[in-house]
Each structure stands twice: as C-alpha cells, then as structure tokens.
Amino acid sequence: MRCKSGIVSGGELIAEVLRKCGDPSSRQAIEPVVGANGKTPYKSATIEDWVYGPRNGLYQYLRFVDGKLANIRSSRD
C-alpha cells in the first residue's frame, strides 16, 4: 500500500505504518478472550483492524495481528 511517506507491506509493525501513513480514518482493537482463570489462552492474539480512506473513492483495510501487519485489502465501497 502506498502512503505519503513510503510503501507498507505485510510484516511491518504498527509504529512503522503510523510513521509512513499517519493515523487511520478508523481503528478497532479486538483483545484476546480472557479465561475464567484470568489468563489468555495459549496462542491468542490481539487483532487490530484499520481503515484508510476514501482516497479517490478507494478504501484500504489493514489487519494487524499482535502488532504486525498481516493483511491489506482494497475496496471501492
């Protein structure tokens, strides 16, 4: 994905994406489920979904898993 200060791609950290692209239009975090014992299950992850746009009618949807960019999807909604 092209941003004002560079190109972002899978595996980049949240801080790198913020530096290159700035704040997203919307940002939602989904924390891992906490069990009855007060602990998170093994291999659970924090998920963040970000949206940039619209830029020329195009929205960019980014998904981060444990702070790393896992997926970029584009759509003209």
PDB file of N, CA and C in Angstrom:
ATOM      1  N   MET A   1       0.851  -1.167   0.000  1.00  0.00           N
ATOM      2  CA  MET A   1       0.000   0.000   0.000  1.00  0.00           C
ATOM      3  C   MET A   1       0.901   1.235   0.000  1.00  0.00           C
ATOM      4  N   ARG A   2       0.595   2.165  -0.860  1.00  0.00           N
ATOM      5  CA  ARG A   2       1.374   3.394  -0.958  1.00  0.00           C
ATOM      6  C   ARG A   2       0.795   4.450  -0.006  1.00  0.00           C
ATOM      7  N   CYS A   3       1.680   5.070   0.761  1.00  0.00           N
ATOM      8  CA  CYS A   3       1.303   6.143   1.687  1.00  0.00           C
ATOM      9  C   CYS A   3       2.135   7.381   1.379  1.00  0.00           C
ATOM     10  N   LYS A   4       1.852   8.452   2.099  1.00  0.00           N
ATOM     11  CA  LYS A   4       2.545   9.715   1.825  1.00  0.00           C
ATOM     12  C   LYS A   4       4.041   9.653   2.110  1.00  0.00           C
ATOM     13  N   SER A   5       4.476   8.772   3.026  1.00  0.00           N
ATOM     14  CA  SER A   5       5.901   8.702   3.371  1.00  0.00           C
ATOM     15  C   SER A   5       6.526   7.345   3.064  1.00  0.00           C
ATOM     16  N   GLY A   6       5.938   6.592   2.157  1.00  0.00           N
ATOM     17  CA  GLY A   6       6.530   5.311   1.783  1.00  0.00           C
ATOM     18  C   GLY A   6       5.495   4.251   1.471  1.00  0.00           C
ATOM     19  N   ILE A   7       5.978   3.064   1.282  1.00  0.00           N
ATOM     20  CA  ILE A   7       5.125   1.917   0.964  1.00  0.00           C
ATOM     21  C   ILE A   7       5.137   0.971   2.149  1.00  0.00           C
ATOM     22  N   VAL A   8       3.944   0.476   2.528  1.00  0.00           N
ATOM     23  CA  VAL A   8       3.851  -0.503   3.610  1.00  0.00           C
ATOM     24  C   VAL A   8       3.490  -1.859   3.019  1.00  0.00           C
ATOM     25  N   SER A   9       3.989  -2.899   3.671  1.00  0.00           N
ATOM     26  CA  SER A   9       3.697  -4.256   3.225  1.00  0.00           C
ATOM     27  C   SER A   9       3.611  -5.168   4.439  1.00  0.00           C
ATOM     28  N   GLY A  10       3.188  -6.382   4.207  1.00  0.00           N
ATOM     29  CA  GLY A  10       2.991  -7.351   5.275  1.00  0.00           C
ATOM     30  C   GLY A  10       4.213  -7.500   6.165  1.00  0.00           C
ATOM     31  N   GLY A  11       3.960  -7.683   7.458  1.00  0.00           N
ATOM     32  CA  GLY A  11       5.024  -7.884   8.419  1.00  0.00           C
ATOM     33  C   GLY A  11       5.510  -6.627   9.105  1.00  0.00           C
ATOM     34  N   GLU A  12       5.107  -5.462   8.618  1.00  0.00           N
ATOM     35  CA  GLU A  12       5.554  -4.215   9.244  1.00  0.00           C
ATOM     36  C   GLU A  12       4.840  -4.005  10.576  1.00  0.00           C
ATOM     37  N   LEU A  13       5.526  -3.346  11.489  1.00  0.00           N
ATOM     38  CA  LEU A  13       4.980  -3.062  12.811  1.00  0.00           C
ATOM     39  C   LEU A  13       4.044  -1.856  12.763  1.00  0.00           C
ATOM     40  N   ILE A  14       3.140  -1.789  13.732  1.00  0.00           N
ATOM     41  CA  ILE A  14       2.177  -0.690  13.812  1.00  0.00           C
ATOM     42  C   ILE A  14       2.888   0.667  13.773  1.00  0.00           C
ATOM     43  N   ALA A  15       3.978   0.819  14.510  1.00  0.00           N
ATOM     44  CA  ALA A  15       4.700   2.095  14.555  1.00  0.00           C
ATOM     45  C   ALA A  15       5.216   2.497  13.175  1.00  0.00           C
ATOM     46  N   GLU A  16       5.679   1.522  12.383  1.00  0.00           N
ATOM     47  CA  GLU A  16       6.174   1.816  11.033  1.00  0.00           C
ATOM     48  C   GLU A  16       5.048   2.294  10.132  1.00  0.00           C
ATOM     49  N   VAL A  17       3.887   1.645  10.226  1.00  0.00           N
ATOM     50  CA  VAL A  17       2.739   2.037   9.397  1.00  0.00           C
ATOM     51  C   VAL A  17       2.262   3.425   9.796  1.00  0.00           C
ATOM     52  N   LEU A  18       2.190   3.706  11.089  1.00  0.00           N
ATOM     53  CA  LEU A  18       1.792   5.045  11.539  1.00  0.00           C
ATOM     54  C   LEU A  18       2.760   6.104  11.031  1.00  0.00           C
ATOM     55  N   ARG A  19       4.042   5.808  11.058  1.00  0.00           N
ATOM     56  CA  ARG A  19       5.045   6.773  10.593  1.00  0.00           C
ATOM     57  C   ARG A  19       4.886   7.050   9.099  1.00  0.00           C
ATOM     58  N   LYS A  20       4.625   6.025   8.320  1.00  0.00           N
ATOM     59  CA  LYS A  20       4.519   6.185   6.870  1.00  0.00           C
ATOM     60  C   LYS A  20       3.168   6.730   6.418  1.00  0.00           C
ATOM     61  N   CYS A  21       2.092   6.315   7.105  1.00  0.00           N
ATOM     62  CA  CYS A  21       0.740   6.625   6.620  1.00  0.00           C
ATOM     63  C   CYS A  21      -0.046   7.581   7.504  1.00  0.00           C
ATOM     64  N   GLY A  22       0.421   7.815   8.730  1.00  0.00           N
ATOM     65  CA  GLY A  22      -0.341   8.647   9.648  1.00  0.00           C
ATOM     66  C   GLY A  22      -1.478   7.853  10.275  1.00  0.00           C
ATOM     67  N   ASP A  23      -2.337   8.569  10.998  1.00  0.00           N
ATOM     68  CA  ASP A  23      -3.452   7.918  11.679  1.00  0.00           C
ATOM     69  C   ASP A  23      -4.507   7.450  10.679  1.00  0.00           C
ATOM     70  N   PRO A  24      -5.095   6.280  10.916  1.00  0.00           N
ATOM     71  CA  PRO A  24      -6.148   5.790  10.028  1.00  0.00           C
ATOM     72  C   PRO A  24      -7.457   6.543  10.263  1.00  0.00           C
ATOM     73  N   SER A  25      -8.385   6.406   9.321  1.00  0.00           N
ATOM     74  CA  SER A  25      -9.713   7.012   9.460  1.00  0.00           C
ATOM     75  C   SER A  25     -10.472   6.371  10.610  1.00  0.00           C
ATOM     76  N   SER A  26     -10.308   5.055  10.763  1.00  0.00           N
ATOM     77  CA  SER A  26     -10.900   4.352  11.895  1.00  0.00           C
ATOM     78  C   SER A  26      -9.971   3.234  12.321  1.00  0.00           C
ATOM     79  N   ARG A  27     -10.112   2.866  13.595  1.00  0.00           N
ATOM     80  CA  ARG A  27      -9.208   1.877  14.183  1.00  0.00           C
ATOM     81  C   ARG A  27      -9.977   1.121  15.252  1.00  0.00           C
ATOM     82  N   GLN A  28      -9.976  -0.212  15.168  1.00  0.00           N
ATOM     83  CA  GLN A  28     -10.685  -1.027  16.142  1.00  0.00           C
ATOM     84  C   GLN A  28      -9.775  -2.149  16.617  1.00  0.00           C
ATOM     85  N   ALA A  29      -9.659  -2.295  17.936  1.00  0.00           N
ATOM     86  CA  ALA A  29      -8.833  -3.355  18.519  1.00  0.00           C
ATOM     87  C   ALA A  29      -9.734  -4.427  19.109  1.00  0.00           C
ATOM     88  N   ILE A  30      -9.366  -5.670  18.890  1.00  0.00           N
ATOM     89  CA  ILE A  30     -10.080  -6.815  19.446  1.00  0.00           C
ATOM     90  C   ILE A  30      -9.080  -7.559  20.326  1.00  0.00           C
ATOM     91  N   GLU A  31      -9.279  -7.435  21.616  1.00  0.00           N
ATOM     92  CA  GLU A  31      -8.368  -8.064  22.572  1.00  0.00           C
ATOM     93  C   GLU A  31      -8.669  -9.559  22.676  1.00  0.00           C
ATOM     94  N   PRO A  32      -7.665 -10.363  23.051  1.00  0.00           N
ATOM     95  CA  PRO A  32      -7.908 -11.791  23.234  1.00  0.00           C
ATOM     96  C   PRO A  32      -8.886 -12.042  24.383  1.00  0.00           C
ATOM     97  N   VAL A  33      -9.589 -13.137  24.297  1.00  0.00           N
ATOM     98  CA  VAL A  33     -10.525 -13.528  25.340  1.00  0.00           C
ATOM     99  C   VAL A  33      -9.736 -13.957  26.570  1.00  0.00           C
ATOM    100  N   VAL A  34     -10.199 -13.545  27.728  1.00  0.00           N
ATOM    101  CA  VAL A  34      -9.566 -13.935  28.981  1.00  0.00           C
ATOM    102  C   VAL A  34     -10.391 -15.046  29.598  1.00  0.00           C
ATOM    103  N   GLY A  35      -9.730 -16.128  29.975  1.00  0.00           N
ATOM    104  CA  GLY A  35     -10.418 -17.269  30.566  1.00  0.00           C
ATOM    105  C   GLY A  35     -10.859 -17.003  31.991  1.00  0.00           C
ATOM    106  N   ALA A  36     -11.576 -17.955  32.569  1.00  0.00           N
ATOM    107  CA  ALA A  36     -12.068 -17.843  33.941  1.00  0.00           C
ATOM    108  C   ALA A  36     -10.919 -17.722  34.937  1.00  0.00           C
ATOM    109  N   ASN A  37      -9.741 -18.230  34.554  1.00  0.00           N
ATOM    110  CA  ASN A  37      -8.579 -18.155  35.440  1.00  0.00           C
ATOM    111  C   ASN A  37      -7.851 -16.810  35.346  1.00  0.00           C
ATOM    112  N   GLY A  38      -8.369 -15.903  34.517  1.00  0.00           N
ATOM    113  CA  GLY A  38      -7.768 -14.585  34.373  1.00  0.00           C
ATOM    114  C   GLY A  38      -6.621 -14.527  33.380  1.00  0.00           C
ATOM    115  N   LYS A  39      -6.366 -15.629  32.688  1.00  0.00           N
ATOM    116  CA  LYS A  39      -5.270 -15.685  31.716  1.00  0.00           C
ATOM    117  C   LYS A  39      -5.824 -15.842  30.309  1.00  0.00           C
ATOM    118  N   THR A  40      -5.034 -15.383  29.343  1.00  0.00           N
ATOM    119  CA  THR A  40      -5.422 -15.571  27.950  1.00  0.00           C
ATOM    120  C   THR A  40      -4.964 -16.954  27.495  1.00  0.00           C
ATOM    121  N   PRO A  41      -5.757 -17.608  26.661  1.00  0.00           N
ATOM    122  CA  PRO A  41      -5.372 -18.933  26.175  1.00  0.00           C
ATOM    123  C   PRO A  41      -4.074 -18.883  25.366  1.00  0.00           C
ATOM    124  N   TYR A  42      -3.373 -19.982  25.321  1.00  0.00           N
ATOM    125  CA  TYR A  42      -2.135 -20.111  24.561  1.00  0.00           C
ATOM    126  C   TYR A  42      -2.385 -19.776  23.095  1.00  0.00           C
ATOM    127  N   LYS A  43      -1.498 -19.019  22.501  1.00  0.00           N
ATOM    128  CA  LYS A  43      -1.546 -18.599  21.095  1.00  0.00           C
ATOM    129  C   LYS A  43      -2.701 -17.658  20.763  1.00  0.00           C
ATOM    130  N   SER A  44      -3.297 -16.994  21.756  1.00  0.00           N
ATOM    131  CA  SER A  44      -4.305 -15.991  21.433  1.00  0.00           C
ATOM    132  C   SER A  44      -3.593 -14.692  21.068  1.00  0.00           C
ATOM    133  N   ALA A  45      -4.239 -13.867  20.269  1.00  0.00           N
ATOM    134  CA  ALA A  45      -3.582 -12.678  19.739  1.00  0.00           C
ATOM    135  C   ALA A  45      -4.501 -11.468  19.804  1.00  0.00           C
ATOM    136  N   THR A  46      -3.890 -10.290  19.860  1.00  0.00           N
ATOM    137  CA  THR A  46      -4.634  -9.046  19.728  1.00  0.00           C
ATOM    138  C   THR A  46      -4.740  -8.723  18.244  1.00  0.00           C
ATOM    139  N   ILE A  47      -5.942  -8.410  17.804  1.00  0.00           N
ATOM    140  CA  ILE A  47      -6.223  -8.081  16.400  1.00  0.00           C
ATOM    141  C   ILE A  47      -6.596  -6.608  16.332  1.00  0.00           C
ATOM    142  N   GLU A  48      -6.047  -5.888  15.358  1.00  0.00           N
ATOM    143  CA  GLU A  48      -6.458  -4.506  15.101  1.00  0.00           C
ATOM    144  C   GLU A  48      -6.843  -4.373  13.643  1.00  0.00           C
ATOM    145  N   ASP A  49      -8.007  -3.790  13.404  1.00  0.00           N
ATOM    146  CA  ASP A  49      -8.472  -3.501  12.052  1.00  0.00           C
ATOM    147  C   ASP A  49      -8.464  -1.997  11.853  1.00  0.00           C
ATOM    148  N   TRP A  50      -7.779  -1.553  10.802  1.00  0.00           N
ATOM    149  CA  TRP A  50      -7.681  -0.136  10.468  1.00  0.00           C
ATOM    150  C   TRP A  50      -8.288   0.104   9.101  1.00  0.00           C
ATOM    151  N   VAL A  51      -8.802   1.328   8.904  1.00  0.00           N
ATOM    152  CA  VAL A  51      -9.320   1.748   7.601  1.00  0.00           C
ATOM    153  C   VAL A  51      -8.694   3.092   7.248  1.00  0.00           C
ATOM    154  N   TYR A  52      -8.166   3.178   6.031  1.00  0.00           N
ATOM    155  CA  TYR A  52      -7.687   4.437   5.466  1.00  0.00           C
ATOM    156  C   TYR A  52      -8.582   4.776   4.284  1.00  0.00           C
ATOM    157  N   GLY A  53      -8.933   6.049   4.167  1.00  0.00           N
ATOM    158  CA  GLY A  53      -9.692   6.467   3.000  1.00  0.00           C
ATOM    159  C   GLY A  53     -11.011   7.101   3.385  1.00  0.00           C
ATOM    160  N   PRO A  54     -11.781   7.444   2.377  1.00  0.00           N
ATOM    161  CA  PRO A  54     -11.521   7.118   0.974  1.00  0.00           C
ATOM    162  C   PRO A  54     -10.517   8.084   0.350  1.00  0.00           C
ATOM    163  N   ARG A  55      -9.684   7.541  -0.485  1.00  0.00           N
ATOM    164  CA  ARG A  55      -8.770   8.335  -1.305  1.00  0.00           C
ATOM    165  C   ARG A  55      -9.107   8.005  -2.744  1.00  0.00           C
ATOM    166  N   ASN A  56      -9.656   8.988  -3.447  1.00  0.00           N
ATOM    167  CA  ASN A  56     -10.149   8.800  -4.817  1.00  0.00           C
ATOM    168  C   ASN A  56     -11.147   7.645  -4.876  1.00  0.00           C
ATOM    169  N   GLY A  57     -11.988   7.540  -3.827  1.00  0.00           N
ATOM    170  CA  GLY A  57     -13.022   6.515  -3.773  1.00  0.00           C
ATOM    171  C   GLY A  57     -12.536   5.151  -3.303  1.00  0.00           C
ATOM    172  N   LEU A  58     -11.264   5.027  -2.971  1.00  0.00           N
ATOM    173  CA  LEU A  58     -10.693   3.740  -2.584  1.00  0.00           C
ATOM    174  C   LEU A  58     -10.444   3.694  -1.080  1.00  0.00           C
ATOM    175  N   TYR A  59     -10.922   2.628  -0.459  1.00  0.00           N
ATOM    176  CA  TYR A  59     -10.658   2.374   0.951  1.00  0.00           C
ATOM    177  C   TYR A  59      -9.585   1.299   1.063  1.00  0.00           C
ATOM    178  N   GLN A  60      -8.704   1.455   2.048  1.00  0.00           N
ATOM    179  CA  GLN A  60      -7.666   0.464   2.339  1.00  0.00           C
ATOM    180  C   GLN A  60      -7.959  -0.102   3.731  1.00  0.00           C
ATOM    181  N   TYR A  61      -8.075  -1.416   3.811  1.00  0.00           N
ATOM    182  CA  TYR A  61      -8.357  -2.100   5.071  1.00  0.00           C
ATOM    183  C   TYR A  61      -7.112  -2.872   5.487  1.00  0.00           C
ATOM    184  N   LEU A  62      -6.611  -2.564   6.683  1.00  0.00           N
ATOM    185  CA  LEU A  62      -5.407  -3.215   7.187  1.00  0.00           C
ATOM    186  C   LEU A  62      -5.754  -4.018   8.427  1.00  0.00           C
ATOM    187  N   ARG A  63      -5.179  -5.208   8.546  1.00  0.00           N
ATOM    188  CA  ARG A  63      -5.359  -6.040   9.733  1.00  0.00           C
ATOM    189  C   ARG A  63      -3.993  -6.335  10.333  1.00  0.00           C
ATOM    190  N   PHE A  64      -3.878  -6.067  11.628  1.00  0.00           N
ATOM    191  CA  PHE A  64      -2.664  -6.341  12.386  1.00  0.00           C
ATOM    192  C   PHE A  64      -2.930  -7.477  13.360  1.00  0.00           C
ATOM    193  N   VAL A  65      -2.003  -8.397  13.463  1.00  0.00           N
ATOM    194  CA  VAL A  65      -2.077  -9.477  14.436  1.00  0.00           C
ATOM    195  C   VAL A  65      -0.853  -9.353  15.333  1.00  0.00           C
ATOM    196  N   ASP A  66      -1.103  -9.147  16.615  1.00  0.00           N
ATOM    197  CA  ASP A  66      -0.035  -8.928  17.594  1.00  0.00           C
ATOM    198  C   ASP A  66       0.950  -7.859  17.153  1.00  0.00           C
ATOM    199  N   GLY A  67       0.413  -6.757  16.606  1.00  0.00           N
ATOM    200  CA  GLY A  67       1.239  -5.601  16.270  1.00  0.00           C
ATOM    201  C   GLY A  67       1.943  -5.646  14.928  1.00  0.00           C
ATOM    202  N   LYS A  68       1.728  -6.721  14.143  1.00  0.00           N
ATOM    203  CA  LYS A  68       2.350  -6.818  12.817  1.00  0.00           C
ATOM    204  C   LYS A  68       1.275  -6.834  11.741  1.00  0.00           C
ATOM    205  N   LEU A  69       1.552  -6.127  10.656  1.00  0.00           N
ATOM    206  CA  LEU A  69       0.616  -6.061   9.546  1.00  0.00           C
ATOM    207  C   LEU A  69       0.494  -7.435   8.892  1.00  0.00           C
ATOM    208  N   ALA A  70      -0.716  -7.978   8.909  1.00  0.00           N
ATOM    209  CA  ALA A  70      -0.950  -9.322   8.390  1.00  0.00           C
ATOM    210  C   ALA A  70      -1.663  -9.315   7.041  1.00  0.00           C
ATOM    211  N   ASN A  71      -2.491  -8.275   6.784  1.00  0.00           N
ATOM    212  CA  ASN A  71      -3.305  -8.287   5.577  1.00  0.00           C
ATOM    213  C   ASN A  71      -3.666  -6.864   5.163  1.00  0.00           C
ATOM    214  N   ILE A  72      -3.660  -6.619   3.846  1.00  0.00           N
ATOM    215  CA  ILE A  72      -4.120  -5.352   3.276  1.00  0.00           C
ATOM    216  C   ILE A  72      -5.150  -5.697   2.207  1.00  0.00           C
ATOM    217  N   ARG A  73      -6.298  -5.034   2.295  1.00  0.00           N
ATOM    218  CA  ARG A  73      -7.355  -5.262   1.305  1.00  0.00           C
ATOM    219  C   ARG A  73      -7.855  -3.897   0.836  1.00  0.00           C
ATOM    220  N   SER A  74      -8.138  -3.769  -0.439  1.00  0.00           N
ATOM    221  CA  SER A  74      -8.644  -2.523  -1.017  1.00  0.00           C
ATOM    222  C   SER A  74     -10.048  -2.737  -1.539  1.00  0.00           C
ATOM    223  N   SER A  75     -10.872  -1.676  -1.442  1.00  0.00           N
ATOM    224  CA  SER A  75     -12.251  -1.785  -1.917  1.00  0.00           C
ATOM    225  C   SER A  75     -12.780  -0.402  -2.254  1.00  0.00           C
ATOM    226  N   ARG A  76     -13.610  -0.349  -3.255  1.00  0.00           N
ATOM    227  CA  ARG A  76     -14.337   0.879  -3.600  1.00  0.00           C
ATOM    228  C   ARG A  76     -15.758   0.708  -3.108  1.00  0.00           C
ATOM    229  N   ASP A  77     -16.017   1.124  -1.862  1.00  0.00           N
ATOM    230  CA  ASP A  77     -17.338   0.942  -1.247  1.00  0.00           C
ATOM    231  C   ASP A  77     -18.324   1.946  -1.740  1.00  0.00           C
TER     232      ASP A  77
END
